[in-house]
Protein backbone atom coordinates (compact mmCIF):
# COMPACT_ATOMS: atom_id res chain seq x y z
CA MET A 1 3.48 -12.02 -8.56
CA THR A 2 2.75 -12.73 -5.04
CA ASP A 3 4.27 -10.62 -2.70
CA VAL A 4 5.16 -13.52 -0.04
CA ALA A 5 5.01 -17.46 -0.89
CA VAL A 6 5.62 -20.09 1.91
CA VAL A 7 6.70 -23.49 0.99
CA GLY A 8 6.60 -26.46 3.67
CA HIS A 9 4.18 -28.68 5.46
CA PHE A 10 1.35 -27.52 7.20
CA SER A 11 0.93 -29.18 10.62
CA ILE A 12 -1.55 -30.25 13.30
CA ASP A 13 -0.18 -29.58 16.49
CA SER A 14 -1.08 -30.87 19.88
CA ILE A 15 0.58 -28.49 21.92
CA LEU A 16 1.28 -29.38 25.97
CA LEU A 17 1.15 -25.95 28.20
CA PRO A 18 2.61 -26.09 31.50
CA ASN A 19 -0.73 -23.75 32.93
CA LEU A 20 -3.08 -26.68 31.11
CA SER A 21 -4.02 -30.14 32.17
CA ASN A 22 -4.77 -31.04 28.48
CA SER A 23 -3.50 -30.66 25.19
CA THR A 24 -4.74 -27.98 22.99
CA VAL A 25 -5.08 -28.83 19.03
CA ALA A 26 -4.25 -26.36 16.74
CA LEU A 27 -2.98 -25.49 13.24
CA GLY A 28 0.56 -25.16 12.74
CA GLY A 29 3.64 -25.14 10.46
CA ALA A 30 6.00 -22.34 9.85
CA VAL A 31 3.86 -21.56 6.31
CA THR A 32 0.43 -20.89 8.61
CA TYR A 33 2.22 -17.97 10.57
CA VAL A 34 4.02 -16.57 7.70
CA SER A 35 1.23 -16.31 5.20
CA LEU A 36 -0.87 -15.31 8.23
CA VAL A 37 1.04 -12.33 9.51
CA ALA A 38 1.69 -11.25 5.85
CA ARG A 39 -2.04 -10.91 4.94
CA ARG A 40 -2.74 -9.29 8.34
CA LEU A 41 -0.03 -6.45 7.04
CA GLY A 42 -1.83 -6.35 3.53
CA ALA A 43 0.50 -8.31 1.30
CA THR A 44 -0.61 -11.22 -0.75
CA ALA A 45 0.21 -14.68 0.18
CA SER A 46 0.26 -17.80 -1.12
CA VAL A 47 1.63 -21.65 0.47
CA ILE A 48 2.74 -24.60 -1.37
CA SER A 49 2.47 -27.67 0.78
CA ARG A 50 0.95 -31.22 1.08
CA VAL A 51 -1.67 -32.46 3.48
CA GLY A 52 -3.30 -35.72 3.92
CA GLY A 53 -6.90 -36.74 3.76
CA ASP A 54 -7.14 -35.98 7.52
CA PHE A 55 -6.46 -32.35 7.04
CA PRO A 56 -9.54 -30.56 8.17
CA HIS A 57 -11.48 -28.81 5.89
CA VAL A 58 -12.11 -26.05 8.40
CA TYR A 59 -8.73 -25.65 8.40
CA THR A 60 -8.76 -24.81 4.47
CA GLU A 61 -11.68 -22.49 4.44
CA TRP A 62 -10.62 -20.56 7.45
CA LEU A 63 -7.03 -19.79 5.51
CA LYS A 64 -9.16 -19.13 2.41
CA GLN A 65 -11.18 -16.69 4.31
CA GLU A 66 -8.08 -14.96 5.27
CA GLY A 67 -7.03 -14.55 1.89
CA ILE A 68 -4.27 -16.83 1.48
CA ASP A 69 -3.72 -18.77 -2.04
CA LEU A 70 -3.77 -22.19 -1.56
CA SER A 71 -3.86 -23.16 -4.94
CA GLY A 72 -0.37 -24.71 -4.51
CA VAL A 73 -1.60 -27.41 -1.66
CA VAL A 74 -1.69 -30.83 -2.82
CA ARG A 75 -4.20 -33.09 -0.80
CA ILE A 76 -3.47 -36.67 -0.71
CA GLU A 77 -6.20 -38.46 0.84
CA THR A 78 -4.09 -41.71 1.31
CA GLU A 79 -1.80 -39.68 3.29
CA GLN A 80 -1.77 -38.16 6.84
CA THR A 81 -0.98 -34.69 7.25
CA THR A 82 2.20 -33.98 9.19
CA ARG A 83 1.32 -34.12 12.80
CA PHE A 84 3.64 -32.67 16.13
CA GLU A 85 3.20 -32.90 19.80
CA LEU A 86 4.45 -29.97 21.46
CA GLN A 87 5.60 -29.83 25.23
CA TYR A 88 6.60 -26.89 26.83
CA CYS A 89 8.51 -26.24 30.10
CA ASP A 90 7.35 -24.11 33.08
CA SER A 91 9.19 -21.20 31.95
CA PHE A 92 8.63 -21.82 28.15
CA SER A 93 12.41 -21.42 27.47
CA GLU A 94 12.61 -25.20 26.52
CA ARG A 95 10.10 -27.66 24.51
CA ALA A 96 10.14 -31.18 23.66
CA LEU A 97 8.56 -32.16 19.95
CA ARG A 98 7.83 -35.60 18.72
CA LEU A 99 6.80 -36.10 14.99
CA LYS A 100 3.54 -38.24 14.94
CA SER A 101 3.15 -38.34 11.27
CA ARG A 102 4.65 -37.00 8.40
CA ALA A 103 3.01 -36.12 4.66
CA SER A 104 5.35 -36.68 1.70
CA SER A 105 8.13 -34.33 0.71
CA LEU A 106 7.65 -31.49 -1.59
CA SER A 107 8.64 -31.93 -5.09
CA PRO A 108 9.61 -29.49 -7.98
CA ILE A 109 5.96 -30.86 -10.03
CA ASP A 110 4.24 -29.34 -6.98
CA VAL A 111 5.03 -26.13 -8.25
CA PRO A 112 2.77 -24.28 -10.89
CA VAL A 113 4.34 -23.27 -13.96
CA SER A 114 3.61 -19.86 -13.61
CA PHE A 115 4.45 -19.68 -10.01
CA CYS A 116 6.55 -16.77 -8.91
CA ALA A 117 7.00 -14.57 -6.01
CA LYS A 118 8.72 -11.31 -4.66
CA VAL A 119 10.13 -13.62 -1.74
CA ILE A 120 9.98 -16.72 -1.15
CA HIS A 121 10.50 -18.71 2.46
CA LEU A 122 11.55 -22.02 2.58
CA ALA A 123 9.76 -22.97 5.73
CA PRO A 124 10.34 -26.98 6.15
CA ILE A 125 9.63 -28.17 9.82
CA ALA A 126 10.14 -32.20 8.67
CA GLY A 127 12.96 -31.95 6.02
CA GLU A 128 10.14 -31.87 3.38
CA VAL A 129 12.48 -29.31 1.01
CA SER A 130 15.04 -30.66 -0.80
CA PHE A 131 18.17 -28.91 -2.69
CA GLU A 132 16.36 -29.83 -6.29
CA LEU A 133 13.38 -27.77 -5.32
CA ALA A 134 14.95 -24.71 -3.46
CA GLU A 135 17.26 -24.53 -6.92
CA LEU A 136 14.01 -24.21 -8.74
CA LEU A 137 12.34 -21.79 -6.28
CA ARG A 138 15.73 -19.65 -6.48
CA SER A 139 15.00 -19.04 -10.07
CA ARG A 140 11.26 -18.04 -9.13
CA ALA A 141 11.94 -15.43 -6.71
CA GLU A 142 13.58 -11.92 -5.85
CA ILE A 143 14.43 -12.95 -2.90
CA LEU A 144 14.96 -16.76 -1.52
CA SER A 145 14.50 -17.09 2.32
CA LEU A 146 15.34 -20.08 4.60
CA ASP A 147 14.33 -21.51 7.91
CA ALA A 148 16.92 -23.61 9.41
CA GLN A 149 14.84 -25.62 11.71
CA GLY A 150 13.39 -27.90 9.22
CA ILE A 151 16.67 -29.28 8.03
CA LEU A 152 18.41 -29.56 10.93
CA ARG A 153 15.64 -31.83 12.52
CA SER A 154 16.38 -35.53 13.12
CA VAL A 155 13.87 -37.83 14.19
CA ASP A 156 14.22 -41.32 16.23
CA SER A 157 12.37 -44.47 15.85
CA ALA A 158 9.72 -43.05 18.58
CA GLY A 159 9.33 -39.62 16.25
CA ASN A 160 11.33 -37.90 19.13
CA ILE A 161 12.92 -34.87 17.23
CA SER A 162 16.51 -33.32 18.03
CA LEU A 163 19.00 -31.02 16.22
CA SER A 164 21.51 -32.61 13.84
CA SER A 165 24.59 -30.63 11.79
CA THR A 166 23.98 -33.05 8.88
CA ALA A 167 21.98 -30.41 6.90
CA ASP A 168 22.32 -30.40 3.35
CA ARG A 169 24.76 -27.43 2.76
CA ARG A 170 23.54 -27.01 -0.82
CA THR A 171 20.21 -25.87 0.59
CA LEU A 172 21.55 -23.46 2.88
CA GLU A 173 23.81 -21.64 0.39
CA SER A 174 21.12 -21.31 -2.20
CA ALA A 175 19.42 -18.46 0.19
CA ASN A 176 19.70 -15.02 0.56
CA ILE A 177 18.30 -14.80 3.99
CA LEU A 178 18.57 -17.29 6.79
CA LYS A 179 16.43 -17.38 10.04
CA CYS A 180 17.35 -19.27 13.00
CA SER A 181 17.47 -19.93 16.49
CA LEU A 182 20.57 -19.18 18.58
CA ASN A 183 20.89 -23.03 19.04
CA GLU A 184 20.35 -23.74 15.42
CA ILE A 185 23.09 -21.32 14.62
CA GLN A 186 25.34 -22.46 17.09
CA ILE A 187 24.77 -26.45 15.52
CA LEU A 188 25.06 -25.05 11.86
CA THR A 189 28.49 -23.48 12.64
CA SER A 190 30.19 -25.40 15.17
CA LYS A 191 30.62 -22.01 16.94
CA PHE A 192 29.41 -20.75 20.05
CA ASP A 193 30.19 -16.96 19.99
CA LEU A 194 27.38 -15.30 18.01
CA GLN A 195 28.84 -12.83 16.08
CA SER A 196 31.47 -15.64 14.52
CA SER A 197 28.23 -17.72 14.16
CA ILE A 198 26.83 -15.07 11.99
CA LYS A 199 30.05 -14.07 9.97
CA ALA A 200 30.30 -18.07 9.22
CA ILE A 201 27.06 -17.86 7.56
CA HIS A 202 27.74 -14.56 5.58
CA ASP A 203 30.79 -16.30 4.24
CA LEU A 204 28.56 -18.81 2.50
CA GLY A 205 26.94 -15.97 0.41
CA ILE A 206 23.88 -15.43 2.77
CA THR A 207 23.41 -11.77 3.16
CA THR A 208 21.03 -11.38 5.78
CA VAL A 209 21.06 -13.41 9.08
CA ILE A 210 18.04 -13.55 11.69
CA VAL A 211 18.68 -15.06 14.86
CA THR A 212 15.56 -15.04 17.25
CA MET A 213 16.00 -15.46 20.93
CA GLY A 214 12.86 -15.56 22.34
CA ALA A 215 12.03 -13.49 25.31
CA ARG A 216 15.76 -11.58 24.56
CA GLY A 217 14.58 -10.53 21.13
CA ALA A 218 16.27 -11.18 18.24
CA VAL A 219 19.79 -10.48 16.14
CA LEU A 220 19.55 -9.09 12.79
CA SER A 221 22.78 -8.77 10.47
CA VAL A 222 22.64 -7.54 7.05
CA GLU A 223 26.09 -7.45 4.98
CA GLY A 224 27.74 -7.34 8.76
CA ALA A 225 25.80 -4.56 9.89
CA PHE A 226 24.44 -5.56 13.30
CA TYR A 227 21.26 -4.78 14.97
CA GLU A 228 19.94 -6.14 18.24
CA VAL A 229 16.28 -6.18 18.07
CA PRO A 230 14.23 -5.89 21.32
CA PRO A 231 11.24 -7.50 22.30
CA PHE A 232 7.88 -6.02 22.90
CA ASN A 233 6.88 -6.83 26.68
CA SER A 234 3.81 -8.96 25.89
CA ARG A 235 0.91 -8.83 28.02
CA THR A 236 1.11 -12.60 28.96
CA VAL A 237 2.70 -15.42 27.31
CA VAL A 238 0.28 -18.33 26.70
CA ASP A 239 1.64 -20.11 23.82
CA PRO A 240 4.85 -19.19 22.46
CA THR A 241 4.31 -21.56 19.25
CA GLY A 242 4.83 -19.96 16.01
CA ALA A 243 6.68 -16.62 17.42
CA GLY A 244 9.78 -16.98 15.42
CA ASP A 245 7.63 -17.49 12.17
CA VAL A 246 5.46 -14.58 12.72
CA PHE A 247 8.91 -12.67 13.29
CA VAL A 248 10.22 -13.68 10.17
CA GLY A 249 6.92 -13.47 8.38
CA GLY A 250 6.51 -9.67 9.22
CA PHE A 251 10.09 -9.22 8.48
CA LEU A 252 9.95 -10.42 5.02
CA THR A 253 6.50 -8.47 4.29
CA GLU A 254 8.14 -5.22 5.07
CA LEU A 255 11.34 -6.01 3.31
CA VAL A 256 9.51 -6.46 -0.12
CA ARG A 257 8.09 -2.99 0.43
CA GLY A 258 11.62 -1.69 0.50
CA ARG A 259 11.44 -0.73 4.03
CA ASP A 260 14.85 -0.28 6.37
CA PRO A 261 15.81 -3.97 7.44
CA PHE A 262 15.71 -2.59 11.25
CA TRP A 263 12.16 -1.24 10.95
CA CYS A 264 11.26 -4.63 9.21
CA ALA A 265 12.71 -6.61 12.18
CA CYS A 266 10.60 -4.23 14.65
CA VAL A 267 7.48 -5.24 12.85
CA GLY A 268 8.54 -8.97 13.05
CA SER A 269 9.33 -8.47 16.82
CA GLY A 270 5.87 -6.61 17.32
CA ALA A 271 3.96 -9.36 15.58
CA ALA A 272 5.96 -12.05 17.64
CA SER A 273 4.52 -10.35 21.01
CA ILE A 274 0.94 -10.50 19.87
CA VAL A 275 0.64 -14.16 18.92
CA VAL A 276 2.37 -15.49 22.01
CA GLU A 277 -0.62 -13.95 23.75
CA GLY A 278 -3.19 -16.66 22.93
CA ILE A 279 -3.09 -20.14 21.71
CA GLY A 280 -2.44 -20.95 18.05
CA PRO A 281 -2.48 -18.76 14.69
CA SER A 282 -5.82 -17.26 15.34
CA CYS A 283 -4.60 -15.05 17.77
CA LEU A 284 -2.27 -12.87 15.69
CA GLY A 285 -3.25 -9.23 15.94
CA GLU A 286 -4.34 -6.53 12.99
CA LYS A 287 -2.11 -4.61 11.35
CA GLU A 288 -2.62 -1.25 13.28
CA GLU A 289 -1.77 -2.97 16.86
CA ILE A 290 1.34 -4.59 14.95
CA TYR A 291 2.65 -1.34 13.76
CA ARG A 292 1.73 0.21 17.04
CA ARG A 293 4.42 -2.17 18.82
CA ALA A 294 6.81 -2.12 15.78
CA GLN A 295 7.15 1.79 16.71
CA ALA A 296 7.68 1.20 20.05
CA ILE A 297 10.23 -1.07 19.69
CA PHE A 298 11.89 1.27 16.84
CA GLY A 299 11.75 4.20 19.30
CA LYS A 300 13.82 2.45 21.83
C-alpha cells in the first residue's frame, strides 16, 4: 500500500516571472509537487496521470530517480501533454493562467486493479478527474483528499482560465479533506466570511479543510477546531508556483503517520517556504530543512 498517491495531470509550465525577461519552462502539475514532497519526507508516493507523446523523457527519469512510482502514468503518443502559461504580477499576489494544451481526462480504467493507498489526493488542474473516478478511488484509500482548483476552473476559447461556481458537488462531497485558496472557497460556498465558508464545507461532510493564503500562511479546520498556520519567512520569493501543492503534500504525508494536524500543517508550511525560493519543483528542500522550518513555525 502506497503512503501518498496523487491523481491528476502532469503539466509543462511556461512561467513568466516579473524579474525575468523570458519565460521559464518547468515540470508542473500538483501531482509533481505533492509526490515530490512526500518522497523528500521519506514516504512512498505514486502517481496516476496521462501525458502525451511530447512529455520529455528526462522528466520521467528524474521522477523515477526521486523514487516516485509512475506505473499508473499512461503515455499516449498521439496526444499532447497538458500545458499552462503562468504570468505573475510584480507582487506575486495574482497570476494569469492560460491553458495551451490538455491531455485527455483520466478514467477508472487508468486505475490498476491492485492500486490502493493510505491517502489519495485528487489533484485535477484542468477538469480531468470525474465523479466516477473519485468514487472508485474513495474505495481504494483510507483518506481521500481533494484540491478544489481543477474542478472550479473554466476555460474560454483563447485558453484563459477563470474560476466558476459550477463544480460537480458530488466530487466535492466524496472527499474527507479539501484544500483550496481563499478565493476558491469563497466561490465554492458563495460566502465571503472565512469561518462561514469553512462551516459550509464541513456541512457537506468534509472533516478537514485547508485554506492557503499565500504570504499570510494558511488556515486549518479539523471537525470545527480552527488553527491559524503562520508562514515561515522565506529568504526570497522567486517563484510561488506549487507552494499550495507542497503545503498539502507535507500535510498529508505527516497525517498518514498519525501526527497532530497542526504539526502536519506546520510541515506543509515549512516545505512551501522552501519551494518558492527557486523556480520549479527541483528547488524543493531536503527533509532536515523542512522539519527545521516546521519546528520554528510550530513553536510560534
